Amino acid sequence: GKGSFVSKPKAFQDLARLQGFGEAMRQMGYETYARVLSVRNVKPSAQVQEKLKLGKRAHVTELQRLRFLNREPISLDITYVPTEVGARLAKEDLATRDIFAILENDYRLALGHADLQIGSTLADETLAAQLKVEEGSPVLMIERLTHTADGAPLDYEHLFYRGDAFQYRMRVDRVPLQQP
């Protein structure tokens, strides 16, 4: 009963390269920025402590940012970094600059690789309000642990993307089976 309409294409990011969201989107001509919702030092959950390989008494800096693509909310990013890095990041322009670019260019920390897990969840009331979607809408959920070039964990994130507006893509090459 709604008639025909043309939907706008989903923005996408190539998973074959480790790059920040803003960096990837700007290369494709999209306008991006973030609204910093909070920057705070917290006692990490057991999961965060384990992922970042921290001691039992360690604290982390938690950064929450609402990311925008062409002036529409696209994701909620919750980032955990060791406090020595977080104290410096708290003073940066996180609204217009990518954390990866700051880590590499300003702090001279060479990034090496990231481990990702991708799944889905349903937007609760808070997430739905932030992303401007209906409560219960499907949301793409990414857990990403980024390591320095020497393999040390540095940045652990939970990223929640609007399922109707974003996708990840990658190329997968076939490796022939070895015949016995």
N, C-alpha and C. Protein backbone atom coordinates (compact mmCIF):
# COMPACT_ATOMS: atom_id res chain seq x y z
N GLY A 1 0.77 -1.19 0.00
CA GLY A 1 0.00 0.00 0.00
C GLY A 1 0.83 1.27 0.00
N LYS A 2 2.17 1.16 0.05
CA LYS A 2 2.99 2.38 0.11
C LYS A 2 3.46 2.81 -1.27
N GLY A 3 3.26 1.99 -2.31
CA GLY A 3 3.72 2.35 -3.63
C GLY A 3 5.19 2.00 -3.83
N SER A 4 5.74 2.41 -4.94
CA SER A 4 7.14 2.13 -5.26
C SER A 4 8.03 3.26 -4.78
N PHE A 5 9.22 2.90 -4.41
CA PHE A 5 10.21 3.90 -4.04
C PHE A 5 11.59 3.36 -4.33
N VAL A 6 12.53 4.26 -4.50
CA VAL A 6 13.92 3.88 -4.74
C VAL A 6 14.67 4.05 -3.44
N SER A 7 15.24 2.96 -2.95
CA SER A 7 16.00 3.07 -1.71
C SER A 7 17.42 3.50 -2.02
N LYS A 8 18.00 4.26 -1.11
CA LYS A 8 19.37 4.69 -1.32
C LYS A 8 20.31 3.52 -1.04
N PRO A 9 21.42 3.42 -1.78
CA PRO A 9 22.33 2.30 -1.57
C PRO A 9 22.96 2.37 -0.19
N LYS A 10 23.24 1.19 0.36
CA LYS A 10 23.89 1.13 1.67
C LYS A 10 25.36 1.50 1.54
N ALA A 11 25.85 2.24 2.51
CA ALA A 11 27.28 2.49 2.58
C ALA A 11 27.94 1.18 2.97
N PHE A 12 29.18 0.98 2.56
CA PHE A 12 29.86 -0.26 2.91
C PHE A 12 31.33 0.02 3.20
N GLN A 13 31.92 -0.91 3.94
CA GLN A 13 33.34 -0.85 4.25
C GLN A 13 33.95 -2.19 3.90
N ASP A 14 35.11 -2.18 3.27
CA ASP A 14 35.81 -3.39 2.87
C ASP A 14 36.54 -3.97 4.07
N LEU A 15 36.21 -5.21 4.41
CA LEU A 15 36.84 -5.86 5.56
C LEU A 15 38.26 -6.33 5.29
N ALA A 16 38.68 -6.33 4.04
CA ALA A 16 40.02 -6.81 3.72
C ALA A 16 41.11 -5.82 4.15
N ARG A 17 40.71 -4.61 4.56
CA ARG A 17 41.68 -3.60 5.00
C ARG A 17 41.32 -3.12 6.39
N LEU A 18 42.32 -2.92 7.22
CA LEU A 18 42.10 -2.36 8.55
C LEU A 18 42.14 -0.84 8.42
N GLN A 19 40.97 -0.23 8.56
CA GLN A 19 40.90 1.22 8.51
C GLN A 19 39.72 1.69 9.34
N GLY A 20 39.82 2.93 9.77
CA GLY A 20 38.75 3.52 10.54
C GLY A 20 37.55 3.81 9.67
N PHE A 21 36.39 3.90 10.30
CA PHE A 21 35.15 4.16 9.59
C PHE A 21 35.21 5.46 8.79
N GLY A 22 35.61 6.53 9.45
CA GLY A 22 35.67 7.82 8.77
C GLY A 22 36.63 7.81 7.60
N GLU A 23 37.77 7.19 7.78
CA GLU A 23 38.77 7.07 6.72
C GLU A 23 38.17 6.36 5.50
N ALA A 24 37.50 5.24 5.74
CA ALA A 24 36.91 4.46 4.65
C ALA A 24 35.80 5.23 3.95
N MET A 25 34.95 5.90 4.71
CA MET A 25 33.81 6.61 4.13
C MET A 25 34.25 7.85 3.36
N ARG A 26 35.23 8.58 3.89
CA ARG A 26 35.71 9.78 3.19
C ARG A 26 36.33 9.41 1.84
N GLN A 27 36.99 8.25 1.76
CA GLN A 27 37.58 7.81 0.49
C GLN A 27 36.51 7.57 -0.57
N MET A 28 35.29 7.29 -0.13
CA MET A 28 34.18 7.06 -1.07
C MET A 28 33.32 8.31 -1.25
N GLY A 29 33.75 9.43 -0.67
CA GLY A 29 33.05 10.68 -0.88
C GLY A 29 31.93 10.99 0.10
N TYR A 30 31.83 10.22 1.17
CA TYR A 30 30.80 10.48 2.18
C TYR A 30 31.29 11.51 3.19
N GLU A 31 30.36 12.25 3.75
CA GLU A 31 30.66 13.18 4.85
C GLU A 31 30.47 12.42 6.17
N THR A 32 31.46 12.46 7.04
CA THR A 32 31.34 11.79 8.33
C THR A 32 31.79 12.71 9.47
N TYR A 33 31.19 12.49 10.62
CA TYR A 33 31.64 13.11 11.85
C TYR A 33 31.07 12.31 13.00
N ALA A 34 31.51 12.63 14.19
CA ALA A 34 31.03 11.92 15.38
C ALA A 34 30.59 12.92 16.44
N ARG A 35 29.65 12.48 17.24
CA ARG A 35 29.27 13.23 18.44
C ARG A 35 29.80 12.41 19.62
N VAL A 36 30.70 13.01 20.38
CA VAL A 36 31.26 12.32 21.54
C VAL A 36 30.21 12.34 22.64
N LEU A 37 29.76 11.16 23.04
CA LEU A 37 28.74 11.04 24.08
C LEU A 37 29.36 11.00 25.46
N SER A 38 30.51 10.31 25.58
CA SER A 38 31.19 10.26 26.88
C SER A 38 32.62 9.79 26.71
N VAL A 39 33.47 10.27 27.60
CA VAL A 39 34.85 9.81 27.74
C VAL A 39 35.06 9.68 29.24
N ARG A 40 35.30 8.44 29.68
CA ARG A 40 35.43 8.26 31.13
C ARG A 40 36.35 7.10 31.45
N ASN A 41 37.01 7.20 32.60
CA ASN A 41 37.84 6.10 33.09
C ASN A 41 36.95 5.17 33.89
N VAL A 42 37.04 3.88 33.58
CA VAL A 42 36.18 2.89 34.23
C VAL A 42 36.99 1.66 34.59
N LYS A 43 36.46 0.91 35.55
CA LYS A 43 36.99 -0.41 35.84
C LYS A 43 36.48 -1.32 34.73
N PRO A 44 37.36 -2.00 34.01
CA PRO A 44 36.91 -2.78 32.86
C PRO A 44 36.14 -4.03 33.29
N SER A 45 35.23 -4.44 32.43
CA SER A 45 34.57 -5.73 32.63
C SER A 45 35.63 -6.82 32.48
N ALA A 46 35.30 -8.02 32.90
CA ALA A 46 36.24 -9.14 32.75
C ALA A 46 36.60 -9.35 31.29
N GLN A 47 35.62 -9.17 30.40
CA GLN A 47 35.86 -9.34 28.97
C GLN A 47 36.86 -8.32 28.45
N VAL A 48 36.67 -7.05 28.79
CA VAL A 48 37.58 -6.00 28.34
C VAL A 48 38.97 -6.22 28.92
N GLN A 49 39.03 -6.56 30.20
CA GLN A 49 40.31 -6.82 30.87
C GLN A 49 41.07 -7.94 30.16
N GLU A 50 40.35 -9.00 29.82
CA GLU A 50 40.98 -10.14 29.14
C GLU A 50 41.44 -9.77 27.74
N LYS A 51 40.59 -9.09 26.98
CA LYS A 51 40.92 -8.73 25.60
C LYS A 51 42.14 -7.82 25.53
N LEU A 52 42.22 -6.84 26.43
CA LEU A 52 43.35 -5.90 26.42
C LEU A 52 44.54 -6.39 27.24
N LYS A 53 44.41 -7.59 27.83
CA LYS A 53 45.48 -8.21 28.63
C LYS A 53 45.96 -7.28 29.73
N LEU A 54 45.01 -6.84 30.56
CA LEU A 54 45.29 -5.89 31.63
C LEU A 54 45.34 -6.61 32.98
N GLY A 55 46.05 -6.00 33.91
CA GLY A 55 46.09 -6.52 35.27
C GLY A 55 44.77 -6.30 35.98
N LYS A 56 44.59 -6.99 37.09
CA LYS A 56 43.32 -6.95 37.83
C LYS A 56 42.96 -5.55 38.34
N ARG A 57 43.93 -4.72 38.62
CA ARG A 57 43.65 -3.38 39.15
C ARG A 57 43.63 -2.30 38.10
N ALA A 58 43.86 -2.68 36.86
CA ALA A 58 43.93 -1.69 35.77
C ALA A 58 42.56 -1.07 35.50
N HIS A 59 42.58 0.16 35.04
CA HIS A 59 41.39 0.83 34.56
C HIS A 59 41.57 1.07 33.06
N VAL A 60 40.49 1.41 32.39
CA VAL A 60 40.53 1.72 30.97
C VAL A 60 39.77 3.02 30.74
N THR A 61 40.01 3.60 29.58
CA THR A 61 39.21 4.74 29.14
C THR A 61 38.16 4.19 28.19
N GLU A 62 36.91 4.54 28.48
CA GLU A 62 35.80 4.16 27.62
C GLU A 62 35.35 5.39 26.86
N LEU A 63 35.32 5.29 25.54
CA LEU A 63 34.90 6.37 24.67
C LEU A 63 33.60 5.94 23.98
N GLN A 64 32.56 6.73 24.11
CA GLN A 64 31.32 6.44 23.39
C GLN A 64 31.08 7.56 22.40
N ARG A 65 30.93 7.14 21.13
CA ARG A 65 30.72 8.12 20.06
C ARG A 65 29.55 7.68 19.19
N LEU A 66 28.72 8.63 18.83
CA LEU A 66 27.67 8.39 17.86
C LEU A 66 28.21 8.89 16.53
N ARG A 67 28.31 7.98 15.55
CA ARG A 67 28.90 8.31 14.26
C ARG A 67 27.80 8.68 13.27
N PHE A 68 28.10 9.67 12.43
CA PHE A 68 27.14 10.15 11.44
C PHE A 68 27.72 9.98 10.04
N LEU A 69 26.85 9.62 9.12
CA LEU A 69 27.22 9.49 7.72
C LEU A 69 26.22 10.34 6.93
N ASN A 70 26.73 11.34 6.22
CA ASN A 70 25.86 12.28 5.51
C ASN A 70 24.77 12.82 6.42
N ARG A 71 25.16 13.18 7.61
CA ARG A 71 24.33 13.85 8.63
C ARG A 71 23.24 12.97 9.24
N GLU A 72 23.30 11.66 9.00
CA GLU A 72 22.37 10.72 9.62
C GLU A 72 23.15 9.81 10.56
N PRO A 73 22.59 9.49 11.72
CA PRO A 73 23.31 8.57 12.62
C PRO A 73 23.44 7.20 11.97
N ILE A 74 24.65 6.64 12.02
CA ILE A 74 24.92 5.35 11.38
C ILE A 74 25.38 4.30 12.38
N SER A 75 26.12 4.74 13.44
CA SER A 75 26.61 3.75 14.40
C SER A 75 26.87 4.35 15.77
N LEU A 76 26.83 3.48 16.74
CA LEU A 76 27.28 3.80 18.09
C LEU A 76 28.55 3.01 18.29
N ASP A 77 29.64 3.69 18.60
CA ASP A 77 30.94 3.05 18.82
C ASP A 77 31.32 3.18 20.28
N ILE A 78 31.57 2.04 20.93
CA ILE A 78 32.04 2.03 22.31
C ILE A 78 33.45 1.44 22.28
N THR A 79 34.43 2.27 22.62
CA THR A 79 35.84 1.93 22.50
C THR A 79 36.49 1.90 23.87
N TYR A 80 37.33 0.89 24.09
CA TYR A 80 38.09 0.77 25.33
C TYR A 80 39.58 0.77 24.98
N VAL A 81 40.33 1.63 25.65
CA VAL A 81 41.78 1.69 25.47
C VAL A 81 42.43 1.82 26.84
N PRO A 82 43.69 1.39 26.97
CA PRO A 82 44.39 1.60 28.24
C PRO A 82 44.37 3.08 28.61
N THR A 83 44.35 3.37 29.91
CA THR A 83 44.19 4.76 30.36
C THR A 83 45.31 5.68 29.89
N GLU A 84 46.53 5.18 29.73
CA GLU A 84 47.60 6.07 29.27
C GLU A 84 47.33 6.56 27.85
N VAL A 85 46.70 5.75 27.03
CA VAL A 85 46.30 6.17 25.68
C VAL A 85 45.02 7.00 25.76
N GLY A 86 44.09 6.55 26.58
CA GLY A 86 42.81 7.23 26.72
C GLY A 86 42.92 8.65 27.23
N ALA A 87 43.85 8.89 28.15
CA ALA A 87 44.04 10.25 28.68
C ALA A 87 44.45 11.20 27.57
N ARG A 88 45.24 10.72 26.64
CA ARG A 88 45.65 11.54 25.51
C ARG A 88 44.51 11.72 24.52
N LEU A 89 43.78 10.62 24.23
CA LEU A 89 42.67 10.70 23.28
C LEU A 89 41.57 11.65 23.76
N ALA A 90 41.39 11.72 25.08
CA ALA A 90 40.34 12.57 25.64
C ALA A 90 40.55 14.03 25.27
N LYS A 91 41.78 14.42 24.95
CA LYS A 91 42.10 15.80 24.60
C LYS A 91 42.03 16.06 23.09
N GLU A 92 41.74 15.03 22.32
CA GLU A 92 41.75 15.14 20.86
C GLU A 92 40.38 15.52 20.31
N ASP A 93 40.35 15.91 19.05
CA ASP A 93 39.11 16.22 18.35
C ASP A 93 38.52 14.92 17.80
N LEU A 94 37.81 14.20 18.65
CA LEU A 94 37.24 12.92 18.25
C LEU A 94 35.96 13.08 17.43
N ALA A 95 35.50 14.30 17.27
CA ALA A 95 34.31 14.54 16.45
C ALA A 95 34.65 14.46 14.96
N THR A 96 35.85 14.90 14.58
CA THR A 96 36.19 14.93 13.16
C THR A 96 37.38 14.05 12.79
N ARG A 97 38.07 13.49 13.79
CA ARG A 97 39.25 12.68 13.49
C ARG A 97 39.03 11.23 13.91
N ASP A 98 39.57 10.30 13.13
CA ASP A 98 39.52 8.87 13.45
C ASP A 98 40.55 8.53 14.51
N ILE A 99 40.17 7.66 15.41
CA ILE A 99 41.10 7.20 16.44
C ILE A 99 42.31 6.53 15.81
N PHE A 100 42.11 5.71 14.78
CA PHE A 100 43.25 5.04 14.13
C PHE A 100 44.25 6.06 13.60
N ALA A 101 43.77 7.12 12.96
CA ALA A 101 44.67 8.15 12.42
C ALA A 101 45.44 8.84 13.54
N ILE A 102 44.78 9.12 14.65
CA ILE A 102 45.45 9.76 15.78
C ILE A 102 46.53 8.83 16.34
N LEU A 103 46.18 7.56 16.53
CA LEU A 103 47.14 6.60 17.09
C LEU A 103 48.37 6.48 16.20
N GLU A 104 48.15 6.39 14.90
CA GLU A 104 49.27 6.21 13.98
C GLU A 104 50.05 7.49 13.71
N ASN A 105 49.34 8.56 13.36
CA ASN A 105 50.01 9.78 12.93
C ASN A 105 50.53 10.64 14.07
N ASP A 106 49.72 10.78 15.14
CA ASP A 106 50.12 11.65 16.23
C ASP A 106 50.94 10.93 17.29
N TYR A 107 50.54 9.68 17.60
CA TYR A 107 51.20 8.96 18.69
C TYR A 107 52.27 7.99 18.19
N ARG A 108 52.39 7.86 16.89
CA ARG A 108 53.40 6.98 16.27
C ARG A 108 53.27 5.53 16.73
N LEU A 109 52.03 5.07 16.92
CA LEU A 109 51.75 3.67 17.26
C LEU A 109 51.37 2.95 15.97
N ALA A 110 52.20 2.03 15.52
CA ALA A 110 51.93 1.31 14.28
C ALA A 110 50.87 0.24 14.54
N LEU A 111 49.77 0.30 13.80
CA LEU A 111 48.72 -0.70 13.93
C LEU A 111 49.06 -1.88 13.03
N GLY A 112 48.76 -3.07 13.53
CA GLY A 112 49.11 -4.26 12.77
C GLY A 112 47.91 -4.99 12.20
N HIS A 113 47.04 -5.47 13.05
CA HIS A 113 45.88 -6.24 12.59
C HIS A 113 44.75 -6.12 13.60
N ALA A 114 43.58 -6.59 13.18
CA ALA A 114 42.42 -6.61 14.08
C ALA A 114 41.72 -7.94 13.96
N ASP A 115 41.18 -8.39 15.07
CA ASP A 115 40.33 -9.58 15.10
C ASP A 115 38.89 -9.07 15.21
N LEU A 116 38.03 -9.54 14.31
CA LEU A 116 36.64 -9.09 14.28
C LEU A 116 35.69 -10.26 14.46
N GLN A 117 34.61 -9.98 15.16
CA GLN A 117 33.48 -10.89 15.22
C GLN A 117 32.27 -10.06 14.81
N ILE A 118 31.47 -10.60 13.90
CA ILE A 118 30.32 -9.88 13.39
C ILE A 118 29.06 -10.68 13.68
N GLY A 119 28.07 -9.99 14.19
CA GLY A 119 26.80 -10.63 14.49
C GLY A 119 25.69 -9.62 14.36
N SER A 120 24.57 -9.94 14.93
CA SER A 120 23.46 -9.00 14.90
C SER A 120 22.77 -9.00 16.25
N THR A 121 22.06 -7.93 16.50
CA THR A 121 21.29 -7.80 17.72
C THR A 121 20.07 -6.94 17.39
N LEU A 122 19.21 -6.78 18.35
CA LEU A 122 18.05 -5.91 18.17
C LEU A 122 18.27 -4.65 18.99
N ALA A 123 17.90 -3.53 18.42
CA ALA A 123 18.10 -2.24 19.09
C ALA A 123 17.18 -2.14 20.30
N ASP A 124 17.79 -1.89 21.47
CA ASP A 124 16.97 -1.61 22.65
C ASP A 124 16.51 -0.16 22.56
N GLU A 125 15.78 0.27 23.57
CA GLU A 125 15.20 1.61 23.53
C GLU A 125 16.26 2.71 23.37
N THR A 126 17.36 2.61 24.11
CA THR A 126 18.41 3.63 24.06
C THR A 126 19.11 3.64 22.71
N LEU A 127 19.52 2.46 22.24
CA LEU A 127 20.22 2.37 20.96
C LEU A 127 19.30 2.82 19.82
N ALA A 128 18.05 2.43 19.86
CA ALA A 128 17.09 2.84 18.83
C ALA A 128 16.96 4.36 18.78
N ALA A 129 16.88 5.00 19.94
CA ALA A 129 16.78 6.46 19.98
C ALA A 129 18.05 7.10 19.41
N GLN A 130 19.22 6.56 19.74
CA GLN A 130 20.48 7.14 19.25
C GLN A 130 20.60 7.00 17.73
N LEU A 131 20.25 5.81 17.22
CA LEU A 131 20.41 5.56 15.79
C LEU A 131 19.20 5.97 14.95
N LYS A 132 18.15 6.46 15.61
CA LYS A 132 16.92 6.87 14.94
C LYS A 132 16.31 5.73 14.13
N VAL A 133 16.17 4.58 14.80
CA VAL A 133 15.48 3.43 14.22
C VAL A 133 14.41 2.99 15.21
N GLU A 134 13.54 2.11 14.78
CA GLU A 134 12.51 1.58 15.66
C GLU A 134 13.13 0.64 16.69
N GLU A 135 12.62 0.68 17.91
CA GLU A 135 13.05 -0.28 18.92
C GLU A 135 12.78 -1.68 18.37
N GLY A 136 13.74 -2.57 18.55
CA GLY A 136 13.62 -3.94 18.02
C GLY A 136 14.15 -4.10 16.61
N SER A 137 14.61 -3.01 15.99
CA SER A 137 15.18 -3.10 14.64
C SER A 137 16.49 -3.88 14.66
N PRO A 138 16.79 -4.60 13.58
CA PRO A 138 18.07 -5.31 13.53
C PRO A 138 19.24 -4.34 13.43
N VAL A 139 20.29 -4.63 14.18
CA VAL A 139 21.49 -3.82 14.20
C VAL A 139 22.69 -4.74 14.00
N LEU A 140 23.59 -4.33 13.13
CA LEU A 140 24.83 -5.07 12.90
C LEU A 140 25.75 -4.80 14.08
N MET A 141 26.27 -5.85 14.70
CA MET A 141 27.12 -5.70 15.88
C MET A 141 28.51 -6.25 15.56
N ILE A 142 29.52 -5.42 15.74
CA ILE A 142 30.90 -5.81 15.47
C ILE A 142 31.70 -5.69 16.76
N GLU A 143 32.44 -6.72 17.06
CA GLU A 143 33.41 -6.69 18.16
C GLU A 143 34.78 -6.69 17.50
N ARG A 144 35.58 -5.66 17.75
CA ARG A 144 36.88 -5.54 17.09
C ARG A 144 37.97 -5.31 18.11
N LEU A 145 39.01 -6.12 18.04
CA LEU A 145 40.20 -5.97 18.88
C LEU A 145 41.37 -5.66 17.96
N THR A 146 41.87 -4.44 18.07
CA THR A 146 42.97 -4.00 17.22
C THR A 146 44.29 -4.12 17.97
N HIS A 147 45.29 -4.64 17.27
CA HIS A 147 46.63 -4.87 17.83
C HIS A 147 47.64 -3.95 17.17
N THR A 148 48.69 -3.63 17.89
CA THR A 148 49.80 -2.89 17.31
C THR A 148 50.57 -3.82 16.38
N ALA A 149 51.51 -3.27 15.64
CA ALA A 149 52.30 -4.07 14.69
C ALA A 149 53.08 -5.17 15.40
N ASP A 150 53.43 -4.97 16.68
CA ASP A 150 54.15 -6.02 17.42
C ASP A 150 53.21 -7.00 18.12
N GLY A 151 51.91 -6.88 17.86
CA GLY A 151 50.94 -7.86 18.36
C GLY A 151 50.26 -7.53 19.68
N ALA A 152 50.59 -6.40 20.29
CA ALA A 152 49.98 -6.04 21.58
C ALA A 152 48.56 -5.51 21.36
N PRO A 153 47.58 -5.97 22.15
CA PRO A 153 46.22 -5.42 22.02
C PRO A 153 46.19 -3.96 22.46
N LEU A 154 45.48 -3.12 21.72
CA LEU A 154 45.50 -1.68 21.98
C LEU A 154 44.11 -1.07 22.09
N ASP A 155 43.17 -1.55 21.29
CA ASP A 155 41.88 -0.89 21.12
C ASP A 155 40.81 -1.97 21.00
N TYR A 156 39.88 -2.02 21.93
CA TYR A 156 38.81 -3.01 21.91
C TYR A 156 37.49 -2.27 21.76
N GLU A 157 36.68 -2.69 20.79
CA GLU A 157 35.47 -1.93 20.46
C GLU A 157 34.25 -2.80 20.29
N HIS A 158 33.11 -2.22 20.63
CA HIS A 158 31.80 -2.76 20.28
C HIS A 158 31.17 -1.70 19.38
N LEU A 159 30.87 -2.08 18.15
CA LEU A 159 30.33 -1.16 17.16
C LEU A 159 28.94 -1.63 16.78
N PHE A 160 27.98 -0.74 16.82
CA PHE A 160 26.59 -1.06 16.52
C PHE A 160 26.14 -0.21 15.33
N TYR A 161 25.93 -0.86 14.17
CA TYR A 161 25.58 -0.17 12.93
C TYR A 161 24.12 -0.40 12.57
N ARG A 162 23.50 0.62 12.01
CA ARG A 162 22.14 0.49 11.49
C ARG A 162 22.14 -0.57 10.40
N GLY A 163 21.29 -1.57 10.56
CA GLY A 163 21.21 -2.65 9.58
C GLY A 163 20.64 -2.20 8.24
N ASP A 164 19.87 -1.12 8.24
CA ASP A 164 19.25 -0.65 7.00
C ASP A 164 20.14 0.29 6.20
N ALA A 165 21.29 0.63 6.73
CA ALA A 165 22.08 1.68 6.07
C ALA A 165 23.56 1.35 5.90
N PHE A 166 24.01 0.20 6.38
CA PHE A 166 25.44 -0.08 6.33
C PHE A 166 25.69 -1.58 6.17
N GLN A 167 26.78 -1.91 5.49
CA GLN A 167 27.20 -3.30 5.36
C GLN A 167 28.72 -3.38 5.24
N TYR A 168 29.25 -4.53 5.60
CA TYR A 168 30.66 -4.83 5.38
C TYR A 168 30.75 -5.72 4.16
N ARG A 169 31.82 -5.57 3.41
CA ARG A 169 32.07 -6.41 2.24
C ARG A 169 33.50 -6.92 2.29
N MET A 170 33.70 -8.06 1.65
CA MET A 170 35.06 -8.57 1.50
C MET A 170 35.11 -9.54 0.34
N ARG A 171 36.30 -9.70 -0.20
CA ARG A 171 36.55 -10.68 -1.25
C ARG A 171 37.18 -11.89 -0.60
N VAL A 172 36.70 -13.06 -1.01
CA VAL A 172 37.23 -14.31 -0.48
C VAL A 172 37.70 -15.14 -1.66
N ASP A 173 38.99 -15.49 -1.67
CA ASP A 173 39.55 -16.30 -2.74
C ASP A 173 39.45 -17.78 -2.41
N ARG A 174 39.20 -18.59 -3.41
CA ARG A 174 39.12 -20.04 -3.27
C ARG A 174 40.53 -20.59 -3.19
N VAL A 175 40.76 -21.45 -2.21
CA VAL A 175 42.02 -22.18 -2.10
C VAL A 175 41.70 -23.62 -2.48
N PRO A 176 42.27 -24.11 -3.59
CA PRO A 176 41.94 -25.47 -4.02
C PRO A 176 42.29 -26.51 -2.96
N LEU A 177 41.42 -27.52 -2.88
CA LEU A 177 41.67 -28.62 -1.95
C LEU A 177 42.83 -29.46 -2.47
N GLN A 178 43.65 -29.94 -1.57
CA GLN A 178 44.75 -30.82 -1.93
C GLN A 178 44.21 -32.23 -2.13
N GLN A 179 44.54 -32.84 -3.23
CA GLN A 179 44.11 -34.22 -3.50
C GLN A 179 45.05 -35.19 -2.78
N PRO A 180 44.50 -36.22 -2.09
CA PRO A 180 45.36 -37.17 -1.35
C PRO A 180 46.19 -38.04 -2.28
